[in-house]
Amino acid sequence: MSDDELLARLRQGDHGAFDAIFRAWYPRLVRLAEATVRERAVAEEIAQDVMLELWKRRAVVELNGAPQAYLLQATRNRALNHVRHRQVQQRSAVHLALDEAREAPAPSRLVAAEMREAAEAALAALTPRCREVFELSRVHGLRYQEIADALGVSVKAVEAQMGKALQTFRQHLAPWLPAGKHL
C-alpha cells in the first residue's frame, strides 16, 4: 500500500492503517529518542506519545507525502524538550540546595529537607499526564490555554489534571501547610 493510501485510511480512522504506521516506525522512533535522552523507558514513552498524538490529530495533521518526516521531527522535538526540561530541573535543584544550605539554620534545613521529600513524593505519585500538566504550569509558567494547545487537549482537561495534582500536593504537604491554606 502506498503512503498516500495509508494516510488516507489513517485520516478516516482506520485502525489497520495506524497499526501499519506504528509497526513500521515505532522502533525507529524509540532509537531516535533514546539517542537523545539516553534512557530506554523515556524514549519509549516519547515514541508512544508521538504515535498517540498522530492518532489524535490524524484528521488535521499536515502529512505531505510520507508520515516519516512528521514522526521523526515530532520525536526529535519531544526528546529535545525532555532533555531541556531535565537540565532546567538539575540547575534549579542545585541552586535551591545551595540557597537552603546558606540561609537556613539547622532545624530549618531539616524541615526543608522533609518538605522537599514530601514534594518529591507528591510529584512521583502523579500520573505522567498529570505531572506533565503540573510542570508546564508551575515550572514553565504556561497558562492553561497554552498547555491545552501544546498537549492537544481541552482547557477543562488541563484544569482537571491541575486539580488532581494540587490535591495530591495538599495531601503530601498537609503537615507543613497552615489550616485552610492552599497551594
N, C-alpha and C. Protein backbone atom coordinates (compact mmCIF):
# COMPACT_ATOMS: atom_id res chain seq x y z
N MET A 1 0.85 -1.17 0.00
CA MET A 1 0.00 0.00 0.00
C MET A 1 0.90 1.24 0.00
N SER A 2 0.55 2.23 -0.80
CA SER A 2 1.37 3.45 -0.89
C SER A 2 1.17 4.32 0.34
N ASP A 3 2.10 5.25 0.52
CA ASP A 3 1.99 6.18 1.65
C ASP A 3 0.72 7.00 1.56
N ASP A 4 0.35 7.44 0.36
CA ASP A 4 -0.86 8.24 0.18
C ASP A 4 -2.11 7.45 0.59
N GLU A 5 -2.18 6.17 0.20
CA GLU A 5 -3.32 5.33 0.58
C GLU A 5 -3.35 5.12 2.09
N LEU A 6 -2.19 4.89 2.66
CA LEU A 6 -2.08 4.67 4.10
C LEU A 6 -2.55 5.91 4.86
N LEU A 7 -2.12 7.08 4.41
CA LEU A 7 -2.52 8.34 5.07
C LEU A 7 -4.01 8.60 4.90
N ALA A 8 -4.54 8.31 3.74
CA ALA A 8 -5.98 8.50 3.52
C ALA A 8 -6.78 7.61 4.47
N ARG A 9 -6.35 6.37 4.61
CA ARG A 9 -7.05 5.45 5.53
C ARG A 9 -6.89 5.90 6.98
N LEU A 10 -5.70 6.40 7.32
CA LEU A 10 -5.47 6.90 8.68
C LEU A 10 -6.41 8.06 8.98
N ARG A 11 -6.52 9.00 8.06
CA ARG A 11 -7.40 10.17 8.27
C ARG A 11 -8.86 9.76 8.47
N GLN A 12 -9.24 8.62 7.89
CA GLN A 12 -10.61 8.13 8.04
C GLN A 12 -10.80 7.33 9.32
N GLY A 13 -9.73 7.20 10.12
CA GLY A 13 -9.84 6.49 11.39
C GLY A 13 -9.61 5.00 11.28
N ASP A 14 -8.95 4.56 10.24
CA ASP A 14 -8.68 3.14 10.03
C ASP A 14 -7.59 2.66 10.99
N HIS A 15 -7.97 1.80 11.91
CA HIS A 15 -7.03 1.27 12.90
C HIS A 15 -5.92 0.45 12.24
N GLY A 16 -6.25 -0.23 11.16
CA GLY A 16 -5.25 -1.03 10.46
C GLY A 16 -4.15 -0.16 9.87
N ALA A 17 -4.51 0.99 9.34
CA ALA A 17 -3.52 1.91 8.79
C ALA A 17 -2.62 2.44 9.91
N PHE A 18 -3.23 2.80 11.03
CA PHE A 18 -2.44 3.27 12.17
C PHE A 18 -1.51 2.16 12.65
N ASP A 19 -2.02 0.96 12.73
CA ASP A 19 -1.21 -0.18 13.16
C ASP A 19 -0.02 -0.38 12.23
N ALA A 20 -0.23 -0.25 10.94
CA ALA A 20 0.86 -0.41 9.98
C ALA A 20 1.92 0.67 10.17
N ILE A 21 1.48 1.90 10.38
CA ILE A 21 2.44 3.00 10.62
C ILE A 21 3.17 2.75 11.93
N PHE A 22 2.43 2.36 12.96
CA PHE A 22 3.03 2.12 14.27
C PHE A 22 4.10 1.04 14.17
N ARG A 23 3.76 -0.09 13.58
CA ARG A 23 4.71 -1.20 13.47
C ARG A 23 5.94 -0.82 12.65
N ALA A 24 5.74 -0.02 11.61
CA ALA A 24 6.85 0.35 10.74
C ALA A 24 7.78 1.38 11.40
N TRP A 25 7.22 2.29 12.19
CA TRP A 25 8.01 3.43 12.66
C TRP A 25 8.33 3.44 14.14
N TYR A 26 7.59 2.75 14.97
CA TYR A 26 7.83 2.81 16.41
C TYR A 26 9.26 2.45 16.81
N PRO A 27 9.82 1.34 16.33
CA PRO A 27 11.20 1.01 16.74
C PRO A 27 12.21 2.10 16.36
N ARG A 28 12.04 2.71 15.19
CA ARG A 28 12.95 3.77 14.76
C ARG A 28 12.80 5.01 15.64
N LEU A 29 11.56 5.32 16.01
CA LEU A 29 11.33 6.48 16.86
C LEU A 29 11.93 6.28 18.24
N VAL A 30 11.83 5.06 18.75
CA VAL A 30 12.43 4.76 20.06
C VAL A 30 13.95 4.94 19.97
N ARG A 31 14.56 4.42 18.92
CA ARG A 31 16.01 4.56 18.77
C ARG A 31 16.42 6.03 18.65
N LEU A 32 15.67 6.79 17.88
CA LEU A 32 15.96 8.21 17.73
C LEU A 32 15.86 8.94 19.07
N ALA A 33 14.79 8.70 19.80
CA ALA A 33 14.61 9.35 21.10
C ALA A 33 15.68 8.90 22.08
N GLU A 34 15.99 7.61 22.07
CA GLU A 34 16.98 7.08 23.01
C GLU A 34 18.37 7.68 22.75
N ALA A 35 18.68 7.96 21.52
CA ALA A 35 19.97 8.58 21.21
C ALA A 35 20.07 9.97 21.83
N THR A 36 18.95 10.61 22.03
CA THR A 36 18.94 11.96 22.60
C THR A 36 18.80 11.93 24.12
N VAL A 37 17.85 11.15 24.64
CA VAL A 37 17.57 11.18 26.08
C VAL A 37 18.39 10.18 26.88
N ARG A 38 18.95 9.18 26.21
CA ARG A 38 19.83 8.19 26.85
C ARG A 38 19.13 7.33 27.89
N GLU A 39 17.83 7.20 27.80
CA GLU A 39 17.06 6.33 28.70
C GLU A 39 16.01 5.61 27.87
N ARG A 40 16.06 4.29 27.88
CA ARG A 40 15.16 3.49 27.04
C ARG A 40 13.70 3.72 27.40
N ALA A 41 13.38 3.70 28.70
CA ALA A 41 11.97 3.85 29.12
C ALA A 41 11.42 5.21 28.71
N VAL A 42 12.21 6.25 28.87
CA VAL A 42 11.78 7.59 28.47
C VAL A 42 11.62 7.66 26.96
N ALA A 43 12.54 7.05 26.23
CA ALA A 43 12.47 7.03 24.77
C ALA A 43 11.20 6.32 24.30
N GLU A 44 10.86 5.22 24.94
CA GLU A 44 9.63 4.50 24.57
C GLU A 44 8.41 5.36 24.85
N GLU A 45 8.41 6.07 25.97
CA GLU A 45 7.28 6.94 26.31
C GLU A 45 7.16 8.07 25.29
N ILE A 46 8.27 8.63 24.88
CA ILE A 46 8.25 9.70 23.88
C ILE A 46 7.69 9.17 22.56
N ALA A 47 8.16 8.01 22.12
CA ALA A 47 7.67 7.43 20.86
C ALA A 47 6.17 7.12 20.95
N GLN A 48 5.74 6.62 22.10
CA GLN A 48 4.31 6.34 22.28
C GLN A 48 3.50 7.63 22.25
N ASP A 49 4.01 8.67 22.89
CA ASP A 49 3.31 9.96 22.87
C ASP A 49 3.18 10.50 21.45
N VAL A 50 4.25 10.38 20.66
CA VAL A 50 4.21 10.85 19.28
C VAL A 50 3.16 10.07 18.49
N MET A 51 3.16 8.76 18.66
CA MET A 51 2.17 7.94 17.94
C MET A 51 0.74 8.26 18.40
N LEU A 52 0.56 8.45 19.70
CA LEU A 52 -0.75 8.80 20.21
C LEU A 52 -1.20 10.14 19.65
N GLU A 53 -0.29 11.10 19.59
CA GLU A 53 -0.61 12.41 19.03
C GLU A 53 -0.97 12.30 17.56
N LEU A 54 -0.27 11.43 16.82
CA LEU A 54 -0.61 11.20 15.42
C LEU A 54 -2.04 10.69 15.30
N TRP A 55 -2.41 9.74 16.16
CA TRP A 55 -3.76 9.19 16.11
C TRP A 55 -4.80 10.26 16.48
N LYS A 56 -4.53 11.02 17.53
CA LYS A 56 -5.48 12.04 17.97
C LYS A 56 -5.69 13.11 16.91
N ARG A 57 -4.61 13.48 16.21
CA ARG A 57 -4.67 14.58 15.26
C ARG A 57 -4.70 14.09 13.81
N ARG A 58 -5.06 12.84 13.62
CA ARG A 58 -4.99 12.23 12.29
C ARG A 58 -5.77 13.01 11.24
N ALA A 59 -6.89 13.63 11.62
CA ALA A 59 -7.72 14.32 10.65
C ALA A 59 -7.18 15.71 10.30
N VAL A 60 -6.37 16.29 11.18
CA VAL A 60 -5.93 17.67 10.95
C VAL A 60 -4.43 17.81 10.74
N VAL A 61 -3.66 16.80 11.09
CA VAL A 61 -2.20 16.92 10.97
C VAL A 61 -1.81 16.98 9.50
N GLU A 62 -0.84 17.85 9.19
CA GLU A 62 -0.38 18.01 7.82
C GLU A 62 0.74 17.00 7.56
N LEU A 63 0.43 15.99 6.80
CA LEU A 63 1.42 14.98 6.42
C LEU A 63 1.55 15.01 4.91
N ASN A 64 2.48 15.79 4.44
CA ASN A 64 2.69 15.88 2.99
C ASN A 64 3.55 14.71 2.55
N GLY A 65 2.96 13.80 1.82
CA GLY A 65 3.71 12.63 1.39
C GLY A 65 3.72 11.56 2.46
N ALA A 66 4.91 11.12 2.83
CA ALA A 66 5.06 10.04 3.80
C ALA A 66 5.01 10.57 5.23
N PRO A 67 4.53 9.75 6.15
CA PRO A 67 4.42 10.20 7.54
C PRO A 67 5.75 10.28 8.28
N GLN A 68 6.82 9.71 7.71
CA GLN A 68 8.06 9.63 8.46
C GLN A 68 8.65 10.99 8.82
N ALA A 69 8.51 11.99 7.96
CA ALA A 69 9.07 13.31 8.28
C ALA A 69 8.40 13.88 9.52
N TYR A 70 7.08 13.78 9.57
CA TYR A 70 6.34 14.25 10.75
C TYR A 70 6.75 13.48 12.00
N LEU A 71 6.79 12.15 11.89
CA LEU A 71 7.09 11.32 13.05
C LEU A 71 8.51 11.56 13.56
N LEU A 72 9.47 11.67 12.67
CA LEU A 72 10.85 11.90 13.08
C LEU A 72 11.02 13.27 13.71
N GLN A 73 10.42 14.29 13.11
CA GLN A 73 10.53 15.65 13.66
C GLN A 73 9.84 15.75 15.01
N ALA A 74 8.65 15.17 15.13
CA ALA A 74 7.91 15.22 16.40
C ALA A 74 8.69 14.49 17.50
N THR A 75 9.28 13.36 17.16
CA THR A 75 10.06 12.60 18.14
C THR A 75 11.30 13.39 18.55
N ARG A 76 11.98 13.95 17.58
CA ARG A 76 13.18 14.74 17.87
C ARG A 76 12.83 15.92 18.79
N ASN A 77 11.75 16.63 18.47
CA ASN A 77 11.34 17.78 19.28
C ASN A 77 11.00 17.37 20.70
N ARG A 78 10.25 16.31 20.86
CA ARG A 78 9.88 15.87 22.21
C ARG A 78 11.09 15.41 23.00
N ALA A 79 12.01 14.73 22.34
CA ALA A 79 13.22 14.27 23.03
C ALA A 79 14.07 15.47 23.47
N LEU A 80 14.22 16.45 22.60
CA LEU A 80 14.98 17.65 22.96
C LEU A 80 14.29 18.42 24.09
N ASN A 81 12.98 18.51 24.04
CA ASN A 81 12.25 19.17 25.13
C ASN A 81 12.47 18.45 26.45
N HIS A 82 12.49 17.13 26.40
CA HIS A 82 12.72 16.35 27.62
C HIS A 82 14.11 16.65 28.18
N VAL A 83 15.11 16.68 27.32
CA VAL A 83 16.49 16.95 27.77
C VAL A 83 16.57 18.36 28.35
N ARG A 84 15.97 19.34 27.68
CA ARG A 84 15.99 20.71 28.20
C ARG A 84 15.31 20.79 29.56
N HIS A 85 14.19 20.13 29.68
CA HIS A 85 13.45 20.14 30.95
C HIS A 85 14.29 19.53 32.06
N ARG A 86 14.94 18.42 31.76
CA ARG A 86 15.79 17.76 32.75
C ARG A 86 16.95 18.67 33.17
N GLN A 87 17.53 19.39 32.21
CA GLN A 87 18.63 20.31 32.52
C GLN A 87 18.15 21.45 33.42
N VAL A 88 16.97 21.97 33.13
CA VAL A 88 16.40 23.04 33.97
C VAL A 88 16.17 22.52 35.38
N GLN A 89 15.65 21.33 35.50
CA GLN A 89 15.42 20.75 36.82
C GLN A 89 16.73 20.59 37.59
N GLN A 90 17.76 20.12 36.91
CA GLN A 90 19.04 19.91 37.58
C GLN A 90 19.65 21.23 38.02
N ARG A 91 19.59 22.24 37.16
CA ARG A 91 20.13 23.55 37.54
C ARG A 91 19.34 24.13 38.71
N SER A 92 18.02 24.00 38.66
CA SER A 92 17.19 24.53 39.73
C SER A 92 17.46 23.82 41.04
N ALA A 93 17.62 22.52 40.98
CA ALA A 93 17.87 21.74 42.21
C ALA A 93 19.17 22.17 42.87
N VAL A 94 20.20 22.41 42.06
CA VAL A 94 21.48 22.84 42.61
C VAL A 94 21.34 24.20 43.28
N HIS A 95 20.68 25.13 42.62
CA HIS A 95 20.52 26.48 43.18
C HIS A 95 19.67 26.44 44.45
N LEU A 96 18.61 25.68 44.43
CA LEU A 96 17.76 25.58 45.62
C LEU A 96 18.52 24.97 46.79
N ALA A 97 19.27 23.93 46.53
CA ALA A 97 20.03 23.28 47.60
C ALA A 97 21.07 24.24 48.17
N LEU A 98 21.74 24.99 47.31
CA LEU A 98 22.74 25.96 47.80
C LEU A 98 22.08 27.06 48.62
N ASP A 99 20.96 27.57 48.14
CA ASP A 99 20.24 28.62 48.87
C ASP A 99 19.80 28.12 50.24
N GLU A 100 19.26 26.92 50.28
CA GLU A 100 18.79 26.36 51.56
C GLU A 100 19.96 26.16 52.52
N ALA A 101 21.06 25.66 52.01
CA ALA A 101 22.22 25.39 52.87
C ALA A 101 22.81 26.69 53.40
N ARG A 102 22.80 27.74 52.61
CA ARG A 102 23.37 29.01 53.01
C ARG A 102 22.50 29.74 54.02
N GLU A 103 21.20 29.74 53.78
CA GLU A 103 20.31 30.62 54.52
C GLU A 103 19.63 29.98 55.72
N ALA A 104 19.45 28.71 55.73
CA ALA A 104 18.64 28.09 56.76
C ALA A 104 19.47 27.60 57.93
N PRO A 105 19.03 27.90 59.16
CA PRO A 105 19.67 27.29 60.31
C PRO A 105 19.36 25.80 60.34
N ALA A 106 20.08 25.06 61.15
CA ALA A 106 19.99 23.59 61.17
C ALA A 106 18.55 23.06 61.27
N PRO A 107 17.70 23.50 62.23
CA PRO A 107 16.35 22.95 62.28
C PRO A 107 15.54 23.25 61.02
N SER A 108 15.74 24.45 60.46
CA SER A 108 15.01 24.80 59.24
C SER A 108 15.46 23.93 58.06
N ARG A 109 16.75 23.57 58.03
CA ARG A 109 17.23 22.69 56.97
C ARG A 109 16.56 21.33 57.04
N LEU A 110 16.35 20.86 58.25
CA LEU A 110 15.69 19.57 58.44
C LEU A 110 14.24 19.64 57.94
N VAL A 111 13.55 20.70 58.31
CA VAL A 111 12.17 20.88 57.86
C VAL A 111 12.14 21.03 56.34
N ALA A 112 13.07 21.80 55.80
CA ALA A 112 13.13 21.98 54.34
C ALA A 112 13.38 20.65 53.64
N ALA A 113 14.25 19.83 54.21
CA ALA A 113 14.52 18.52 53.62
C ALA A 113 13.28 17.64 53.67
N GLU A 114 12.56 17.68 54.78
CA GLU A 114 11.34 16.89 54.90
C GLU A 114 10.29 17.37 53.89
N MET A 115 10.16 18.68 53.76
CA MET A 115 9.19 19.23 52.81
C MET A 115 9.57 18.86 51.37
N ARG A 116 10.87 18.94 51.07
CA ARG A 116 11.33 18.59 49.74
C ARG A 116 11.02 17.12 49.44
N GLU A 117 11.26 16.24 50.42
CA GLU A 117 10.95 14.82 50.24
C GLU A 117 9.46 14.61 50.03
N ALA A 118 8.63 15.33 50.79
CA ALA A 118 7.18 15.22 50.63
C ALA A 118 6.75 15.72 49.25
N ALA A 119 7.35 16.82 48.80
CA ALA A 119 7.01 17.36 47.48
C ALA A 119 7.45 16.39 46.38
N GLU A 120 8.63 15.79 46.53
CA GLU A 120 9.09 14.80 45.55
C GLU A 120 8.19 13.57 45.54
N ALA A 121 7.73 13.17 46.72
CA ALA A 121 6.80 12.02 46.80
C ALA A 121 5.48 12.36 46.12
N ALA A 122 5.02 13.60 46.32
CA ALA A 122 3.78 14.03 45.67
C ALA A 122 3.95 14.03 44.16
N LEU A 123 5.07 14.54 43.68
CA LEU A 123 5.34 14.58 42.25
C LEU A 123 5.42 13.17 41.68
N ALA A 124 6.05 12.27 42.42
CA ALA A 124 6.17 10.88 41.96
C ALA A 124 4.82 10.17 41.95
N ALA A 125 3.89 10.62 42.80
CA ALA A 125 2.58 9.97 42.88
C ALA A 125 1.66 10.38 41.73
N LEU A 126 2.03 11.43 41.00
CA LEU A 126 1.18 11.90 39.90
C LEU A 126 1.31 10.98 38.69
N THR A 127 0.24 10.88 37.94
CA THR A 127 0.29 10.15 36.68
C THR A 127 1.18 10.95 35.72
N PRO A 128 1.72 10.30 34.69
CA PRO A 128 2.59 11.04 33.76
C PRO A 128 1.91 12.27 33.15
N ARG A 129 0.68 12.16 32.74
CA ARG A 129 -0.02 13.31 32.13
C ARG A 129 -0.25 14.40 33.16
N CYS A 130 -0.64 14.01 34.36
CA CYS A 130 -0.87 14.96 35.44
C CYS A 130 0.43 15.70 35.79
N ARG A 131 1.53 14.97 35.86
CA ARG A 131 2.84 15.56 36.15
C ARG A 131 3.23 16.53 35.04
N GLU A 132 2.98 16.14 33.80
CA GLU A 132 3.33 16.99 32.67
C GLU A 132 2.56 18.31 32.73
N VAL A 133 1.26 18.24 33.00
CA VAL A 133 0.44 19.45 33.11
C VAL A 133 0.93 20.31 34.27
N PHE A 134 1.19 19.68 35.41
CA PHE A 134 1.66 20.42 36.59
C PHE A 134 2.98 21.14 36.30
N GLU A 135 3.93 20.43 35.70
CA GLU A 135 5.24 21.03 35.43
C GLU A 135 5.14 22.14 34.38
N LEU A 136 4.31 21.95 33.37
CA LEU A 136 4.15 23.01 32.38
C LEU A 136 3.57 24.27 33.02
N SER A 137 2.68 24.09 33.98
CA SER A 137 2.08 25.23 34.66
C SER A 137 3.01 25.83 35.69
N ARG A 138 3.48 25.03 36.63
CA ARG A 138 4.21 25.55 37.79
C ARG A 138 5.71 25.74 37.55
N VAL A 139 6.31 24.91 36.71
CA VAL A 139 7.75 25.04 36.46
C VAL A 139 8.01 25.98 35.29
N HIS A 140 7.25 25.79 34.20
CA HIS A 140 7.49 26.57 32.99
C HIS A 140 6.61 27.81 32.89
N GLY A 141 5.62 27.93 33.76
CA GLY A 141 4.80 29.13 33.81
C GLY A 141 3.81 29.29 32.67
N LEU A 142 3.42 28.19 32.04
CA LEU A 142 2.45 28.28 30.95
C LEU A 142 1.03 28.45 31.51
N ARG A 143 0.21 29.17 30.77
CA ARG A 143 -1.20 29.31 31.13
C ARG A 143 -1.94 28.05 30.69
N TYR A 144 -3.13 27.84 31.25
CA TYR A 144 -3.90 26.64 30.94
C TYR A 144 -4.17 26.52 29.44
N GLN A 145 -4.50 27.63 28.78
CA GLN A 145 -4.78 27.59 27.35
C GLN A 145 -3.54 27.16 26.58
N GLU A 146 -2.36 27.66 26.97
CA GLU A 146 -1.12 27.29 26.30
C GLU A 146 -0.83 25.80 26.50
N ILE A 147 -1.09 25.30 27.70
CA ILE A 147 -0.88 23.88 27.98
C ILE A 147 -1.84 23.04 27.15
N ALA A 148 -3.09 23.46 27.11
CA ALA A 148 -4.09 22.72 26.32
C ALA A 148 -3.69 22.67 24.85
N ASP A 149 -3.23 23.79 24.32
CA ASP A 149 -2.79 23.82 22.91
C ASP A 149 -1.59 22.92 22.70
N ALA A 150 -0.63 22.96 23.62
CA ALA A 150 0.59 22.16 23.47
C ALA A 150 0.30 20.67 23.54
N LEU A 151 -0.66 20.28 24.38
CA LEU A 151 -0.95 18.86 24.56
C LEU A 151 -2.09 18.36 23.69
N GLY A 152 -2.77 19.28 23.04
CA GLY A 152 -3.89 18.88 22.19
C GLY A 152 -5.09 18.40 22.97
N VAL A 153 -5.33 19.03 24.13
CA VAL A 153 -6.49 18.68 24.95
C VAL A 153 -7.27 19.96 25.25
N SER A 154 -8.41 19.82 25.89
CA SER A 154 -9.22 20.99 26.23
C SER A 154 -8.68 21.65 27.49
N VAL A 155 -9.07 22.91 27.67
CA VAL A 155 -8.69 23.64 28.88
C VAL A 155 -9.30 22.94 30.09
N LYS A 156 -10.50 22.41 29.95
CA LYS A 156 -11.15 21.68 31.06
C LYS A 156 -10.31 20.47 31.47
N ALA A 157 -9.73 19.78 30.51
CA ALA A 157 -8.87 18.62 30.83
C ALA A 157 -7.63 19.08 31.59
N VAL A 158 -7.07 20.22 31.20
CA VAL A 158 -5.91 20.77 31.91
C VAL A 158 -6.32 21.14 33.33
N GLU A 159 -7.47 21.79 33.48
CA GLU A 159 -7.95 22.17 34.81
C GLU A 159 -8.16 20.95 35.69
N ALA A 160 -8.70 19.90 35.12
CA ALA A 160 -8.93 18.67 35.89
C ALA A 160 -7.60 18.06 36.34
N GLN A 161 -6.62 18.01 35.45
CA GLN A 161 -5.32 17.45 35.81
C GLN A 161 -4.62 18.30 36.87
N MET A 162 -4.73 19.63 36.75
CA MET A 162 -4.13 20.51 37.76
C MET A 162 -4.83 20.33 39.11
N GLY A 163 -6.13 20.16 39.08
CA GLY A 163 -6.87 19.92 40.33
C GLY A 163 -6.38 18.66 41.02
N LYS A 164 -6.18 17.61 40.25
CA LYS A 164 -5.68 16.35 40.82
C LYS A 164 -4.27 16.54 41.38
N ALA A 165 -3.43 17.25 40.62
CA ALA A 165 -2.05 17.48 41.06
C ALA A 165 -2.02 18.27 42.36
N LEU A 166 -2.78 19.35 42.42
CA LEU A 166 -2.79 20.18 43.62
C LEU A 166 -3.35 19.43 44.83
N GLN A 167 -4.35 18.61 44.59
CA GLN A 167 -4.90 17.80 45.68
C GLN A 167 -3.85 16.83 46.22
N THR A 168 -3.10 16.23 45.33
CA THR A 168 -2.03 15.31 45.74
C THR A 168 -0.97 16.05 46.54
N PHE A 169 -0.60 17.24 46.09
CA PHE A 169 0.39 18.03 46.83
C PHE A 169 -0.15 18.45 48.19
N ARG A 170 -1.41 18.84 48.24
CA ARG A 170 -2.01 19.22 49.53
C ARG A 170 -1.95 18.06 50.52
N GLN A 171 -2.24 16.86 50.04
CA GLN A 171 -2.21 15.69 50.91
C GLN A 171 -0.80 15.40 51.40
N HIS A 172 0.18 15.47 50.52
CA HIS A 172 1.55 15.16 50.90
C HIS A 172 2.19 16.25 51.76
N LEU A 173 1.77 17.49 51.56
CA LEU A 173 2.37 18.61 52.29
C LEU A 173 1.49 19.10 53.45
N ALA A 174 0.43 18.39 53.75
CA ALA A 174 -0.50 18.80 54.80
C ALA A 174 0.17 19.13 56.14
N PRO A 175 1.18 18.36 56.59
CA PRO A 175 1.79 18.69 57.88
C PRO A 175 2.47 20.06 57.91
N TRP A 176 2.82 20.60 56.76
CA TRP A 176 3.53 21.88 56.72
C TRP A 176 2.66 23.04 56.29
N LEU A 177 1.42 22.77 55.89
CA LEU A 177 0.51 23.83 55.48
C LEU A 177 -0.35 24.28 56.66
N PRO A 178 -0.45 25.58 56.88
CA PRO A 178 -1.36 26.05 57.92
C PRO A 178 -2.80 25.65 57.56
N ALA A 179 -3.61 25.43 58.54
CA ALA A 179 -5.01 25.03 58.30
C ALA A 179 -5.68 26.06 57.41
N GLY A 180 -6.35 25.57 56.38
CA GLY A 180 -7.10 26.45 55.49
C GLY A 180 -6.26 27.05 54.38
N LYS A 181 -4.95 26.78 54.33
CA LYS A 181 -4.10 27.34 53.28
C LYS A 181 -4.10 26.39 52.07
N HIS A 182 -3.98 26.97 50.91
CA HIS A 182 -3.96 26.18 49.68
C HIS A 182 -2.70 26.46 48.90
N LEU A 183 -2.34 25.52 48.05
CA LEU A 183 -1.16 25.71 47.18
C LEU A 183 -1.50 26.62 46.05
